[in-house]
């Protein structure tokens, strides 16, 4: 008689050290998949979890309009201009103040997302620095920068 671990009695047997590698492989694989899922879940941003300083949710297409004092979706605005250099790959949206003295133009290279242009007196052009917005054809507009048309 041989007393094994914890007082168990083994009769004429040798201790078995056989390891079932199939079960071990499955356990390791499932553990790796589980841990990988946890890591991925922590890196995935939550839709709507990206509010800016004004409370606008960028992942839902919202950006802040200084003229409207609210979050807007520029692609839903009535006045949209196509970029000339890329034949319309980029769109600029224009929002006017109620008195039409100011125009907010959302362009890709503007700091803060938009530029506020001002119309002086009865002028037909809105200006700020090197940007100028002018009426174009019957109901459209052109945006110029350094006197070169960039959107229309």
N, C-alpha and C. Protein backbone atom coordinates (compact mmCIF):
# COMPACT_ATOMS: atom_id res chain seq x y z
N UNK A 1 0.83 -1.15 0.00
CA UNK A 1 0.00 0.00 0.00
C UNK A 1 0.89 1.24 0.00
N UNK A 2 0.43 2.24 -0.76
CA UNK A 2 1.18 3.47 -0.88
C UNK A 2 0.23 4.63 -0.61
N UNK A 3 0.63 5.48 0.29
CA UNK A 3 -0.22 6.64 0.58
C UNK A 3 0.22 7.80 -0.32
N UNK A 4 -0.72 8.28 -1.11
CA UNK A 4 -0.42 9.38 -2.03
C UNK A 4 -0.76 10.71 -1.40
N UNK A 5 -0.98 11.64 -2.23
CA UNK A 5 -1.32 12.99 -1.77
C UNK A 5 -2.63 12.97 -0.99
N UNK A 6 -2.68 13.72 0.07
CA UNK A 6 -3.88 13.91 0.89
C UNK A 6 -4.45 12.61 1.44
N UNK A 7 -3.64 11.65 1.65
CA UNK A 7 -4.08 10.44 2.30
C UNK A 7 -4.86 9.50 1.41
N UNK A 8 -4.83 9.69 0.10
CA UNK A 8 -5.54 8.78 -0.80
C UNK A 8 -4.72 7.50 -0.95
N UNK A 9 -5.39 6.44 -1.12
CA UNK A 9 -4.71 5.15 -1.20
C UNK A 9 -4.62 4.73 -2.65
N UNK A 10 -3.42 4.45 -3.08
CA UNK A 10 -3.20 3.94 -4.44
C UNK A 10 -2.69 2.52 -4.30
N UNK A 11 -3.31 1.60 -4.94
CA UNK A 11 -2.89 0.20 -4.87
C UNK A 11 -2.29 -0.19 -6.20
N UNK A 12 -1.02 -0.53 -6.16
CA UNK A 12 -0.29 -1.01 -7.33
C UNK A 12 -0.47 -0.08 -8.56
N UNK A 13 -0.42 1.19 -8.32
CA UNK A 13 -0.52 2.12 -9.46
C UNK A 13 0.62 3.11 -9.39
N UNK A 14 1.01 3.56 -10.52
CA UNK A 14 2.02 4.60 -10.62
C UNK A 14 1.28 5.93 -10.81
N UNK A 15 1.79 7.01 -10.24
CA UNK A 15 1.14 8.30 -10.46
C UNK A 15 1.16 8.64 -11.95
N UNK A 16 0.06 9.15 -12.43
CA UNK A 16 -0.06 9.46 -13.85
C UNK A 16 0.25 10.94 -14.08
N UNK A 17 1.16 11.22 -15.01
CA UNK A 17 1.51 12.59 -15.35
C UNK A 17 1.10 12.90 -16.77
N UNK A 18 0.17 12.17 -17.31
CA UNK A 18 -0.30 12.40 -18.67
C UNK A 18 -1.13 13.68 -18.71
N UNK A 19 -0.76 14.59 -19.61
CA UNK A 19 -1.47 15.85 -19.75
C UNK A 19 -2.26 15.78 -21.04
N UNK A 20 -3.53 16.11 -20.94
CA UNK A 20 -4.40 16.11 -22.11
C UNK A 20 -4.17 17.42 -22.87
N UNK A 21 -3.34 17.37 -23.92
CA UNK A 21 -2.95 18.57 -24.66
C UNK A 21 -4.11 19.15 -25.47
N UNK A 22 -5.04 18.32 -25.90
CA UNK A 22 -6.18 18.85 -26.65
C UNK A 22 -7.00 19.82 -25.80
N UNK A 23 -7.28 19.43 -24.56
CA UNK A 23 -8.04 20.31 -23.67
C UNK A 23 -7.24 21.56 -23.34
N UNK A 24 -5.94 21.43 -23.17
CA UNK A 24 -5.10 22.58 -22.86
C UNK A 24 -5.09 23.57 -24.03
N UNK A 25 -5.00 23.07 -25.24
CA UNK A 25 -4.99 23.93 -26.42
C UNK A 25 -6.31 24.69 -26.53
N UNK A 26 -7.41 23.99 -26.29
CA UNK A 26 -8.72 24.64 -26.34
C UNK A 26 -8.83 25.73 -25.28
N UNK A 27 -8.37 25.45 -24.09
CA UNK A 27 -8.43 26.41 -23.00
C UNK A 27 -7.60 27.65 -23.32
N UNK A 28 -6.39 27.44 -23.83
CA UNK A 28 -5.52 28.57 -24.17
C UNK A 28 -6.14 29.39 -25.30
N UNK A 29 -6.67 28.73 -26.30
CA UNK A 29 -7.28 29.43 -27.44
C UNK A 29 -8.49 30.25 -26.99
N UNK A 30 -9.36 29.66 -26.20
CA UNK A 30 -10.54 30.39 -25.72
C UNK A 30 -10.15 31.56 -24.82
N UNK A 31 -9.13 31.37 -23.99
CA UNK A 31 -8.67 32.46 -23.13
C UNK A 31 -8.11 33.61 -23.96
N UNK A 32 -7.33 33.29 -24.99
CA UNK A 32 -6.76 34.32 -25.85
C UNK A 32 -7.86 35.08 -26.58
N UNK A 33 -8.87 34.35 -27.07
CA UNK A 33 -9.98 35.01 -27.76
C UNK A 33 -10.73 35.94 -26.81
N UNK A 34 -10.97 35.49 -25.60
CA UNK A 34 -11.67 36.30 -24.62
C UNK A 34 -10.90 37.56 -24.28
N UNK A 35 -9.60 37.42 -24.03
CA UNK A 35 -8.77 38.58 -23.70
C UNK A 35 -8.68 39.54 -24.89
N UNK A 36 -8.59 39.00 -26.09
CA UNK A 36 -8.57 39.84 -27.30
C UNK A 36 -9.84 40.62 -27.45
N UNK A 37 -10.96 40.02 -27.15
CA UNK A 37 -12.24 40.70 -27.22
C UNK A 37 -12.30 41.85 -26.22
N UNK A 38 -11.79 41.63 -25.01
CA UNK A 38 -11.78 42.68 -24.01
C UNK A 38 -10.92 43.86 -24.44
N UNK A 39 -9.76 43.58 -25.00
CA UNK A 39 -8.86 44.64 -25.45
C UNK A 39 -9.53 45.43 -26.57
N UNK A 40 -10.14 44.75 -27.53
CA UNK A 40 -10.81 45.42 -28.65
C UNK A 40 -11.97 46.26 -28.16
N UNK A 41 -12.73 45.75 -27.23
CA UNK A 41 -13.89 46.47 -26.71
C UNK A 41 -13.48 47.76 -26.01
N UNK A 42 -12.34 47.76 -25.36
CA UNK A 42 -11.88 48.96 -24.68
C UNK A 42 -11.39 50.01 -25.66
N UNK A 43 -10.93 49.62 -26.85
CA UNK A 43 -10.40 50.56 -27.82
C UNK A 43 -11.46 51.10 -28.76
N UNK A 44 -12.61 50.49 -28.82
CA UNK A 44 -13.67 50.94 -29.71
C UNK A 44 -14.42 52.10 -29.08
N UNK A 45 -14.42 53.28 -29.76
CA UNK A 45 -15.15 54.41 -29.17
C UNK A 45 -16.65 54.18 -29.22
N UNK A 46 -17.32 54.70 -28.25
CA UNK A 46 -18.77 54.58 -28.17
C UNK A 46 -19.39 55.64 -29.07
N UNK A 47 -20.33 55.25 -29.92
CA UNK A 47 -21.02 56.20 -30.77
C UNK A 47 -21.75 57.20 -29.89
N UNK A 48 -21.48 58.47 -30.13
CA UNK A 48 -22.09 59.51 -29.32
C UNK A 48 -21.26 59.91 -28.12
N UNK A 49 -20.15 59.25 -27.92
CA UNK A 49 -19.28 59.56 -26.78
C UNK A 49 -18.24 60.62 -27.11
N UNK A 50 -18.40 61.31 -28.22
CA UNK A 50 -17.40 62.29 -28.66
C UNK A 50 -17.98 63.70 -28.73
N UNK A 51 -18.63 64.12 -27.68
CA UNK A 51 -19.21 65.47 -27.65
C UNK A 51 -18.10 66.50 -27.57
N UNK A 52 -18.27 67.60 -28.32
CA UNK A 52 -17.31 68.69 -28.25
C UNK A 52 -17.68 69.65 -27.13
N UNK A 53 -17.01 70.79 -27.06
CA UNK A 53 -17.24 71.75 -25.98
C UNK A 53 -18.66 72.31 -25.99
N UNK A 54 -19.33 72.26 -27.15
CA UNK A 54 -20.69 72.78 -27.27
C UNK A 54 -21.75 71.69 -27.13
N UNK A 55 -21.31 70.44 -26.95
CA UNK A 55 -22.24 69.33 -26.82
C UNK A 55 -22.61 68.69 -28.15
N UNK A 56 -21.92 69.06 -29.22
CA UNK A 56 -22.21 68.49 -30.55
C UNK A 56 -21.49 67.14 -30.69
N UNK A 57 -22.20 66.16 -31.25
CA UNK A 57 -21.66 64.81 -31.39
C UNK A 57 -21.09 64.66 -32.81
N UNK A 58 -19.77 64.69 -32.90
CA UNK A 58 -19.09 64.63 -34.18
C UNK A 58 -19.34 63.33 -34.93
N UNK A 59 -19.38 62.20 -34.23
CA UNK A 59 -19.58 60.91 -34.90
C UNK A 59 -20.97 60.79 -35.52
N UNK A 60 -21.89 61.64 -35.09
CA UNK A 60 -23.23 61.66 -35.67
C UNK A 60 -23.35 62.75 -36.74
N UNK A 61 -22.23 63.40 -37.07
CA UNK A 61 -22.21 64.39 -38.14
C UNK A 61 -22.49 65.81 -37.70
N UNK A 62 -22.53 66.05 -36.40
CA UNK A 62 -22.85 67.39 -35.91
C UNK A 62 -21.60 68.22 -35.67
N UNK A 63 -21.71 69.49 -35.96
CA UNK A 63 -20.67 70.47 -35.66
C UNK A 63 -21.37 71.75 -35.20
N UNK A 64 -20.65 72.57 -34.47
CA UNK A 64 -21.27 73.77 -33.89
C UNK A 64 -21.28 74.91 -34.90
N UNK A 65 -22.43 75.58 -35.02
CA UNK A 65 -22.57 76.76 -35.86
C UNK A 65 -22.58 77.99 -34.96
N UNK A 66 -21.63 78.91 -35.21
CA UNK A 66 -21.55 80.15 -34.43
C UNK A 66 -22.73 81.06 -34.74
N UNK A 67 -23.22 81.01 -35.97
CA UNK A 67 -24.36 81.86 -36.35
C UNK A 67 -25.67 81.32 -35.76
N UNK A 68 -25.92 80.05 -35.88
CA UNK A 68 -27.16 79.47 -35.35
C UNK A 68 -27.10 79.23 -33.85
N UNK A 69 -25.89 79.25 -33.29
CA UNK A 69 -25.69 78.96 -31.86
C UNK A 69 -26.28 77.61 -31.48
N UNK A 70 -26.03 76.65 -32.37
CA UNK A 70 -26.58 75.31 -32.17
C UNK A 70 -25.74 74.31 -32.97
N UNK A 71 -25.97 73.04 -32.70
CA UNK A 71 -25.30 71.98 -33.46
C UNK A 71 -26.03 71.79 -34.80
N UNK A 72 -25.27 71.66 -35.87
CA UNK A 72 -25.86 71.46 -37.19
C UNK A 72 -25.13 70.32 -37.90
N UNK A 73 -25.81 69.76 -38.87
CA UNK A 73 -25.18 68.80 -39.78
C UNK A 73 -24.97 69.56 -41.09
N UNK A 74 -23.73 69.86 -41.40
CA UNK A 74 -23.45 70.70 -42.56
C UNK A 74 -23.95 70.09 -43.86
N UNK A 75 -23.96 68.77 -43.94
CA UNK A 75 -24.43 68.11 -45.17
C UNK A 75 -25.94 68.21 -45.34
N UNK A 76 -26.65 68.66 -44.32
CA UNK A 76 -28.10 68.87 -44.41
C UNK A 76 -28.47 70.32 -44.69
N UNK A 77 -27.50 71.21 -44.72
CA UNK A 77 -27.78 72.62 -44.96
C UNK A 77 -28.19 72.86 -46.41
N UNK A 78 -28.98 73.92 -46.64
CA UNK A 78 -29.52 74.20 -47.98
C UNK A 78 -28.44 74.62 -48.96
N UNK A 79 -27.52 75.45 -48.52
CA UNK A 79 -26.50 75.98 -49.43
C UNK A 79 -25.21 75.17 -49.26
N UNK A 80 -24.87 74.44 -50.30
CA UNK A 80 -23.66 73.63 -50.32
C UNK A 80 -22.85 73.98 -51.57
N UNK A 81 -21.56 74.11 -51.40
CA UNK A 81 -20.66 74.43 -52.51
C UNK A 81 -19.69 73.28 -52.70
N UNK A 82 -19.37 72.98 -53.95
CA UNK A 82 -18.43 71.90 -54.25
C UNK A 82 -17.04 72.46 -54.45
N UNK A 83 -16.06 71.72 -53.95
CA UNK A 83 -14.67 72.15 -54.12
C UNK A 83 -14.28 72.06 -55.59
N UNK A 84 -13.66 73.11 -56.10
CA UNK A 84 -13.30 73.18 -57.51
C UNK A 84 -12.10 72.27 -57.83
N UNK A 85 -11.07 72.30 -56.99
CA UNK A 85 -9.83 71.56 -57.26
C UNK A 85 -10.05 70.05 -57.34
N UNK A 86 -10.97 69.52 -56.56
CA UNK A 86 -11.20 68.06 -56.54
C UNK A 86 -12.46 67.67 -57.29
N UNK A 87 -13.03 68.61 -58.03
CA UNK A 87 -14.26 68.38 -58.80
C UNK A 87 -15.41 67.88 -57.91
N UNK A 88 -15.49 68.44 -56.72
CA UNK A 88 -16.64 68.17 -55.86
C UNK A 88 -16.44 67.10 -54.81
N UNK A 89 -15.20 66.63 -54.60
CA UNK A 89 -14.97 65.62 -53.56
C UNK A 89 -15.27 66.18 -52.16
N UNK A 90 -15.03 67.47 -51.98
CA UNK A 90 -15.30 68.10 -50.70
C UNK A 90 -16.42 69.12 -50.86
N UNK A 91 -17.23 69.22 -49.83
CA UNK A 91 -18.38 70.13 -49.85
C UNK A 91 -18.19 71.17 -48.74
N UNK A 92 -18.51 72.42 -49.07
CA UNK A 92 -18.53 73.49 -48.07
C UNK A 92 -19.99 73.90 -47.88
N UNK A 93 -20.40 74.05 -46.65
CA UNK A 93 -21.77 74.50 -46.36
C UNK A 93 -21.73 75.97 -45.96
N UNK A 94 -22.80 76.68 -46.31
CA UNK A 94 -22.90 78.10 -45.98
C UNK A 94 -24.18 78.32 -45.18
N UNK A 95 -24.05 79.03 -44.07
CA UNK A 95 -25.20 79.41 -43.24
C UNK A 95 -25.16 80.92 -43.09
N UNK A 96 -26.27 81.58 -43.42
CA UNK A 96 -26.38 83.03 -43.29
C UNK A 96 -27.09 83.40 -42.00
N UNK A 97 -26.72 84.57 -41.45
CA UNK A 97 -27.46 85.10 -40.32
C UNK A 97 -28.82 85.58 -40.86
N UNK A 98 -29.77 85.78 -39.98
CA UNK A 98 -31.13 86.14 -40.43
C UNK A 98 -31.14 87.47 -41.19
N UNK A 99 -30.24 88.39 -40.86
CA UNK A 99 -30.19 89.67 -41.56
C UNK A 99 -29.25 89.64 -42.78
N UNK A 100 -28.66 88.49 -43.05
CA UNK A 100 -27.75 88.27 -44.19
C UNK A 100 -26.47 89.12 -44.12
N UNK A 101 -26.14 89.66 -42.96
CA UNK A 101 -24.92 90.45 -42.82
C UNK A 101 -23.71 89.57 -42.56
N UNK A 102 -23.96 88.36 -42.09
CA UNK A 102 -22.86 87.42 -41.81
C UNK A 102 -23.14 86.10 -42.51
N UNK A 103 -22.05 85.47 -42.94
CA UNK A 103 -22.13 84.14 -43.55
C UNK A 103 -21.09 83.26 -42.88
N UNK A 104 -21.53 82.11 -42.42
CA UNK A 104 -20.61 81.13 -41.83
C UNK A 104 -20.36 80.05 -42.88
N UNK A 105 -19.09 79.88 -43.22
CA UNK A 105 -18.71 78.92 -44.25
C UNK A 105 -17.92 77.80 -43.58
N UNK A 106 -18.38 76.57 -43.76
CA UNK A 106 -17.72 75.40 -43.20
C UNK A 106 -16.83 74.80 -44.29
N UNK A 107 -15.53 74.98 -44.14
CA UNK A 107 -14.56 74.46 -45.10
C UNK A 107 -13.56 73.59 -44.38
N UNK A 108 -12.97 72.65 -45.12
CA UNK A 108 -12.10 71.65 -44.50
C UNK A 108 -10.84 72.23 -43.88
N UNK A 109 -10.33 73.34 -44.41
CA UNK A 109 -9.07 73.87 -43.91
C UNK A 109 -9.24 75.04 -42.93
N UNK A 110 -10.46 75.29 -42.48
CA UNK A 110 -10.71 76.40 -41.55
C UNK A 110 -10.42 75.97 -40.12
N UNK A 111 -9.74 76.83 -39.40
CA UNK A 111 -9.46 76.55 -38.00
C UNK A 111 -10.77 76.64 -37.22
N UNK A 112 -11.09 75.66 -36.45
CA UNK A 112 -12.35 75.64 -35.72
C UNK A 112 -13.52 75.13 -36.56
N UNK A 113 -13.27 74.77 -37.82
CA UNK A 113 -14.30 74.18 -38.66
C UNK A 113 -15.05 75.15 -39.55
N UNK A 114 -15.07 76.44 -39.19
CA UNK A 114 -15.81 77.39 -40.01
C UNK A 114 -15.15 78.77 -39.98
N UNK A 115 -15.56 79.58 -40.95
CA UNK A 115 -15.08 80.96 -41.04
C UNK A 115 -16.32 81.85 -41.09
N UNK A 116 -16.32 82.93 -40.30
CA UNK A 116 -17.42 83.89 -40.32
C UNK A 116 -17.01 85.05 -41.23
N UNK A 117 -17.78 85.23 -42.29
CA UNK A 117 -17.54 86.32 -43.24
C UNK A 117 -18.58 87.41 -42.98
N UNK A 118 -18.21 88.66 -43.20
CA UNK A 118 -19.10 89.79 -42.93
C UNK A 118 -19.31 90.60 -44.21
N UNK A 119 -20.54 91.05 -44.40
CA UNK A 119 -20.88 91.90 -45.54
C UNK A 119 -20.92 93.34 -45.07
N UNK A 120 -20.17 94.17 -45.77
CA UNK A 120 -20.10 95.59 -45.40
C UNK A 120 -21.16 96.37 -46.19
N UNK A 121 -22.03 97.06 -45.47
CA UNK A 121 -23.05 97.89 -46.11
C UNK A 121 -23.94 97.11 -47.05
N UNK A 122 -24.11 97.63 -48.27
CA UNK A 122 -24.96 96.98 -49.26
C UNK A 122 -24.14 96.17 -50.26
N UNK A 123 -22.93 95.86 -49.90
CA UNK A 123 -22.05 95.06 -50.75
C UNK A 123 -22.67 93.69 -51.01
N UNK A 124 -22.34 93.11 -52.15
CA UNK A 124 -22.83 91.77 -52.48
C UNK A 124 -21.83 90.70 -52.09
N UNK A 125 -20.77 91.09 -51.40
CA UNK A 125 -19.74 90.14 -51.02
C UNK A 125 -19.57 90.10 -49.51
N UNK A 126 -19.30 88.90 -48.99
CA UNK A 126 -18.99 88.69 -47.58
C UNK A 126 -17.49 88.41 -47.52
N UNK A 127 -16.77 89.03 -46.58
CA UNK A 127 -15.31 88.93 -46.57
C UNK A 127 -14.77 88.70 -45.16
N UNK A 128 -13.64 88.01 -45.13
CA UNK A 128 -12.80 87.92 -43.93
C UNK A 128 -11.42 87.44 -44.38
N UNK A 129 -10.43 88.22 -44.03
CA UNK A 129 -9.04 87.93 -44.40
C UNK A 129 -8.96 87.66 -45.90
N UNK A 130 -8.50 86.48 -46.28
CA UNK A 130 -8.34 86.18 -47.71
C UNK A 130 -9.57 85.49 -48.31
N UNK A 131 -10.62 85.26 -47.50
CA UNK A 131 -11.85 84.62 -47.99
C UNK A 131 -12.86 85.66 -48.46
N UNK A 132 -13.50 85.38 -49.59
CA UNK A 132 -14.57 86.22 -50.12
C UNK A 132 -15.67 85.30 -50.66
N UNK A 133 -16.91 85.54 -50.24
CA UNK A 133 -18.07 84.80 -50.72
C UNK A 133 -18.89 85.76 -51.58
N UNK A 134 -19.15 85.37 -52.83
CA UNK A 134 -19.91 86.23 -53.75
C UNK A 134 -21.02 85.43 -54.41
N UNK A 135 -22.13 86.12 -54.77
CA UNK A 135 -23.19 85.43 -55.52
C UNK A 135 -22.65 84.95 -56.86
N UNK A 136 -23.16 83.80 -57.32
CA UNK A 136 -22.68 83.20 -58.57
C UNK A 136 -23.89 82.66 -59.32
N UNK A 137 -24.03 83.05 -60.55
CA UNK A 137 -25.16 82.68 -61.40
C UNK A 137 -26.47 83.10 -60.72
N UNK A 138 -27.54 82.35 -60.92
CA UNK A 138 -28.84 82.79 -60.40
C UNK A 138 -29.01 82.59 -58.90
N UNK A 139 -28.68 81.42 -58.40
CA UNK A 139 -28.95 81.17 -56.98
C UNK A 139 -27.77 80.53 -56.26
N UNK A 140 -26.59 80.62 -56.84
CA UNK A 140 -25.44 79.99 -56.22
C UNK A 140 -24.45 80.99 -55.65
N UNK A 141 -23.36 80.47 -55.16
CA UNK A 141 -22.31 81.30 -54.57
C UNK A 141 -20.96 80.71 -54.94
N UNK A 142 -19.94 81.58 -54.91
CA UNK A 142 -18.56 81.16 -55.07
C UNK A 142 -17.79 81.61 -53.84
N UNK A 143 -16.92 80.74 -53.37
CA UNK A 143 -16.02 81.11 -52.28
C UNK A 143 -14.63 81.21 -52.86
N UNK A 144 -14.02 82.37 -52.67
CA UNK A 144 -12.67 82.61 -53.18
C UNK A 144 -11.71 82.76 -52.00
N UNK A 145 -10.49 82.29 -52.22
CA UNK A 145 -9.43 82.50 -51.25
C UNK A 145 -8.24 83.04 -52.02
N UNK A 146 -7.73 84.16 -51.60
CA UNK A 146 -6.66 84.85 -52.32
C UNK A 146 -7.03 85.07 -53.77
N UNK A 147 -8.30 85.43 -54.00
CA UNK A 147 -8.86 85.75 -55.31
C UNK A 147 -8.91 84.55 -56.28
N UNK A 148 -8.84 83.35 -55.75
CA UNK A 148 -8.95 82.13 -56.55
C UNK A 148 -10.21 81.38 -56.08
N UNK A 149 -11.06 80.98 -57.02
CA UNK A 149 -12.28 80.26 -56.67
C UNK A 149 -11.90 78.88 -56.14
N UNK A 150 -12.32 78.60 -54.90
CA UNK A 150 -12.02 77.28 -54.31
C UNK A 150 -13.27 76.43 -54.15
N UNK A 151 -14.44 77.06 -54.02
CA UNK A 151 -15.71 76.34 -53.94
C UNK A 151 -16.75 77.10 -54.77
N UNK A 152 -17.67 76.35 -55.37
CA UNK A 152 -18.80 77.00 -56.06
C UNK A 152 -19.96 76.04 -56.16
